[in-house]
């Protein structure tokens, strides 16, 4: 009985999270109310508070789950790839695809009040994990001679920013087809900018 109750509770909790993700494609974090979430999830507002203390905690769970999934995909599709150049290509394409499937993520990143946000530490921990994963690909490429030798932190932040920026733009302006010539051109441009022999390489 307890196992079934636990599963039912997790199922209801997941339904609330999914409804919130859908709302994030329609409104900003600040504009969403618990009444909106109750209506979208088909749960009574009071029932939602049995699973989440407040909107901050719910939003934190939504964003944390997305970051966790992204880290898992990076580990599976990129870290496991032996060629660092191909691993970086996989990451950039993964970023494009992930933001296309979760177009609310850039908006949430821009609107969540991280200062004073209840789950600030958890979100920072997950984002730092993502940075460490990307940095490990870059460092491996530097050691093997594929990537330019530059400050690892700066290069990692640059790749994260550029990839997410392109992905956000493409997800709203261009077809989601990862095989499209435009996406291939942008991926190649990013890769070229960090490989040895490029004009950006430090002397």
Protein backbone atom coordinates (compact mmCIF):
# COMPACT_ATOMS: atom_id res chain seq x y z
CA UNK A 1 0.00 0.00 0.00
CA UNK A 2 2.78 2.44 0.92
CA UNK A 3 4.60 1.75 -2.34
CA UNK A 4 1.45 2.45 -4.34
CA UNK A 5 0.78 5.65 -2.38
CA UNK A 6 4.34 6.76 -2.98
CA UNK A 7 4.00 6.13 -6.71
CA UNK A 8 0.71 8.00 -6.83
CA UNK A 9 2.26 10.93 -4.99
CA UNK A 10 5.22 11.00 -7.38
CA UNK A 11 2.85 10.82 -10.35
CA UNK A 12 0.83 13.78 -9.08
CA UNK A 13 3.99 15.71 -8.35
CA UNK A 14 5.26 15.04 -11.86
CA UNK A 15 1.94 16.18 -13.33
CA UNK A 16 2.30 19.51 -11.55
CA UNK A 17 5.87 19.88 -12.85
CA UNK A 18 4.81 19.12 -16.44
CA UNK A 19 1.96 21.63 -16.23
CA UNK A 20 4.41 24.26 -14.97
CA UNK A 21 6.79 23.54 -17.85
CA UNK A 22 3.92 24.12 -20.26
CA UNK A 23 3.10 27.41 -18.58
CA UNK A 24 6.71 28.52 -18.89
CA UNK A 25 6.30 28.37 -22.66
CA UNK A 26 3.43 30.83 -22.35
CA UNK A 27 4.48 33.22 -19.58
CA UNK A 28 7.53 34.47 -17.73
CA UNK A 29 8.43 33.12 -14.31
CA UNK A 30 7.25 36.29 -12.61
CA UNK A 31 3.90 36.32 -14.42
CA UNK A 32 2.95 32.76 -13.46
CA UNK A 33 0.79 32.41 -10.37
CA UNK A 34 -0.11 29.38 -8.29
CA UNK A 35 -3.66 29.83 -9.57
CA UNK A 36 -2.33 29.42 -13.13
CA UNK A 37 -0.50 26.25 -12.11
CA UNK A 38 -3.60 24.87 -10.40
CA UNK A 39 -5.71 25.51 -13.50
CA UNK A 40 -3.14 24.03 -15.86
CA UNK A 41 -2.47 20.94 -13.75
CA UNK A 42 -6.14 20.39 -12.87
CA UNK A 43 -5.22 20.30 -9.18
CA UNK A 44 -6.74 22.37 -6.43
CA UNK A 45 -4.42 25.17 -5.37
CA UNK A 46 -4.37 23.83 -1.81
CA UNK A 47 -3.36 20.40 -3.12
CA UNK A 48 -0.30 21.82 -4.88
CA UNK A 49 0.98 23.11 -1.54
CA UNK A 50 1.03 19.52 -0.30
CA UNK A 51 3.81 18.85 -2.82
CA UNK A 52 5.61 22.21 -2.99
CA UNK A 53 5.92 24.84 -0.28
CA UNK A 54 5.72 27.75 -2.71
CA UNK A 55 6.21 28.80 -6.31
CA UNK A 56 9.97 29.18 -5.86
CA UNK A 57 10.32 25.57 -4.75
CA UNK A 58 8.19 24.34 -7.66
CA UNK A 59 10.12 26.40 -10.21
CA UNK A 60 13.35 25.19 -8.71
CA UNK A 61 12.27 21.59 -9.20
CA UNK A 62 11.28 22.25 -12.82
CA UNK A 63 14.56 23.96 -13.64
CA UNK A 64 16.65 21.46 -11.67
CA UNK A 65 15.11 18.52 -13.50
CA UNK A 66 15.91 20.13 -16.83
CA UNK A 67 19.52 20.81 -15.85
CA UNK A 68 19.89 17.28 -14.52
CA UNK A 69 18.62 15.88 -17.82
CA UNK A 70 20.98 18.13 -19.75
CA UNK A 71 23.95 16.98 -17.67
CA UNK A 72 22.94 13.37 -18.22
CA UNK A 73 22.77 13.88 -21.99
CA UNK A 74 26.16 15.61 -22.03
CA UNK A 75 27.69 12.69 -20.15
CA UNK A 76 26.03 10.16 -22.45
CA UNK A 77 26.48 11.87 -25.84
CA UNK A 78 29.60 13.96 -25.31
CA UNK A 79 31.84 12.76 -22.49
CA UNK A 80 31.62 9.19 -23.78
CA UNK A 81 32.86 10.36 -27.21
CA UNK A 82 36.61 9.73 -27.55
CA UNK A 83 37.23 12.49 -30.11
CA UNK A 84 37.02 15.87 -28.30
CA UNK A 85 36.10 17.72 -31.50
CA UNK A 86 33.18 15.38 -32.15
CA UNK A 87 32.27 15.56 -28.46
CA UNK A 88 32.04 19.35 -28.73
CA UNK A 89 29.96 19.11 -31.91
CA UNK A 90 27.63 16.73 -30.09
CA UNK A 91 27.29 19.19 -27.21
CA UNK A 92 26.44 22.13 -29.46
CA UNK A 93 23.82 20.09 -31.34
CA UNK A 94 22.48 18.83 -28.02
CA UNK A 95 22.11 22.45 -26.85
CA UNK A 96 20.19 23.34 -30.01
CA UNK A 97 17.88 20.36 -29.66
CA UNK A 98 17.36 20.80 -25.91
CA UNK A 99 16.35 24.45 -26.18
CA UNK A 100 14.06 23.65 -29.10
CA UNK A 101 12.30 21.06 -26.93
CA UNK A 102 12.38 23.36 -23.87
CA UNK A 103 12.05 26.89 -25.29
CA UNK A 104 11.19 28.26 -21.86
CA UNK A 105 14.68 27.61 -20.47
CA UNK A 106 16.39 30.80 -21.74
CA UNK A 107 13.42 32.86 -20.56
CA UNK A 108 13.51 31.27 -17.11
CA UNK A 109 17.25 31.80 -16.85
CA UNK A 110 16.69 35.47 -17.58
CA UNK A 111 13.72 35.98 -15.24
CA UNK A 112 14.30 33.80 -12.18
CA UNK A 113 15.45 36.04 -9.30
CA UNK A 114 18.49 33.97 -8.37
CA UNK A 115 19.43 36.41 -5.60
CA UNK A 116 17.39 35.28 -2.63
CA UNK A 117 15.90 32.41 -4.62
CA UNK A 118 15.24 29.52 -2.24
CA UNK A 119 16.97 26.91 -4.37
CA UNK A 120 19.86 29.10 -5.44
CA UNK A 121 22.53 26.69 -4.21
CA UNK A 122 20.98 23.67 -5.94
CA UNK A 123 20.66 25.45 -9.27
CA UNK A 124 24.20 26.80 -9.07
CA UNK A 125 25.47 23.32 -8.21
CA UNK A 126 23.82 21.84 -11.30
CA UNK A 127 24.94 24.64 -13.60
CA UNK A 128 28.48 24.28 -12.30
CA UNK A 129 28.29 20.55 -13.03
CA UNK A 130 27.37 21.38 -16.62
CA UNK A 131 30.32 23.77 -16.83
CA UNK A 132 32.69 21.13 -15.46
CA UNK A 133 31.50 18.62 -18.06
CA UNK A 134 32.07 21.07 -20.92
CA UNK A 135 35.41 22.14 -19.46
CA UNK A 136 36.53 18.50 -19.37
CA UNK A 137 35.88 18.17 -23.12
CA UNK A 138 37.80 21.36 -23.85
CA UNK A 139 40.69 20.40 -21.58
CA UNK A 140 40.95 16.99 -23.26
CA UNK A 141 41.03 18.70 -26.63
CA UNK A 142 43.75 21.08 -25.45
CA UNK A 143 45.86 18.21 -24.11
CA UNK A 144 45.48 16.24 -27.34
CA UNK A 145 46.28 19.32 -29.44
CA UNK A 146 42.86 19.70 -31.07
CA UNK A 147 41.77 22.91 -29.33
CA UNK A 148 43.56 26.21 -28.83
CA UNK A 149 45.45 26.60 -25.59
CA UNK A 150 43.62 29.37 -23.78
CA UNK A 151 42.26 30.07 -20.32
CA UNK A 152 39.99 27.08 -19.63
CA UNK A 153 37.41 29.01 -17.58
CA UNK A 154 37.12 31.80 -20.15
CA UNK A 155 36.87 29.37 -23.07
CA UNK A 156 34.29 27.23 -21.28
CA UNK A 157 32.09 30.24 -20.47
CA UNK A 158 32.42 31.46 -24.05
CA UNK A 159 31.32 28.11 -25.50
CA UNK A 160 28.39 27.87 -23.08
CA UNK A 161 27.26 31.40 -23.88
CA UNK A 162 27.68 31.21 -27.64
CA UNK A 163 26.07 27.77 -27.95
CA UNK A 164 23.08 28.72 -25.81
CA UNK A 165 22.70 32.05 -27.62
CA UNK A 166 22.71 30.46 -31.07
CA UNK A 167 20.42 27.68 -29.87
CA UNK A 168 17.92 30.15 -28.46
CA UNK A 169 17.88 32.17 -31.69
CA UNK A 170 17.60 29.14 -33.95
CA UNK A 171 14.85 27.55 -31.87
CA UNK A 172 12.60 30.55 -32.51
CA UNK A 173 13.64 31.53 -36.05
CA UNK A 174 14.70 28.38 -37.92
CA UNK A 175 13.51 24.82 -38.44
CA UNK A 176 14.45 22.36 -35.71
CA UNK A 177 16.11 20.09 -38.27
CA UNK A 178 19.59 19.54 -36.87
CA UNK A 179 20.77 18.57 -40.36
CA UNK A 180 19.90 21.95 -41.85
CA UNK A 181 22.77 23.81 -43.60
CA UNK A 182 22.34 26.85 -41.34
CA UNK A 183 22.79 24.85 -38.15
CA UNK A 184 25.75 22.98 -39.64
CA UNK A 185 27.34 26.30 -40.60
CA UNK A 186 26.96 27.68 -37.08
CA UNK A 187 28.28 24.51 -35.45
CA UNK A 188 31.29 24.54 -37.77
CA UNK A 189 31.89 28.23 -37.01
CA UNK A 190 31.97 27.60 -33.27
CA UNK A 191 34.25 24.59 -33.66
CA UNK A 192 36.58 26.44 -36.04
CA UNK A 193 36.91 29.26 -33.54
CA UNK A 194 38.33 26.97 -30.88
CA UNK A 195 40.45 24.57 -32.90
CA UNK A 196 44.21 24.94 -33.34
CA UNK A 197 45.26 26.90 -36.38
CA UNK A 198 42.30 29.30 -36.14
CA UNK A 199 42.93 33.03 -36.11
CA UNK A 200 41.67 33.13 -32.50
CA UNK A 201 44.48 30.96 -31.19
CA UNK A 202 46.65 32.62 -28.60
CA UNK A 203 50.34 33.03 -29.43
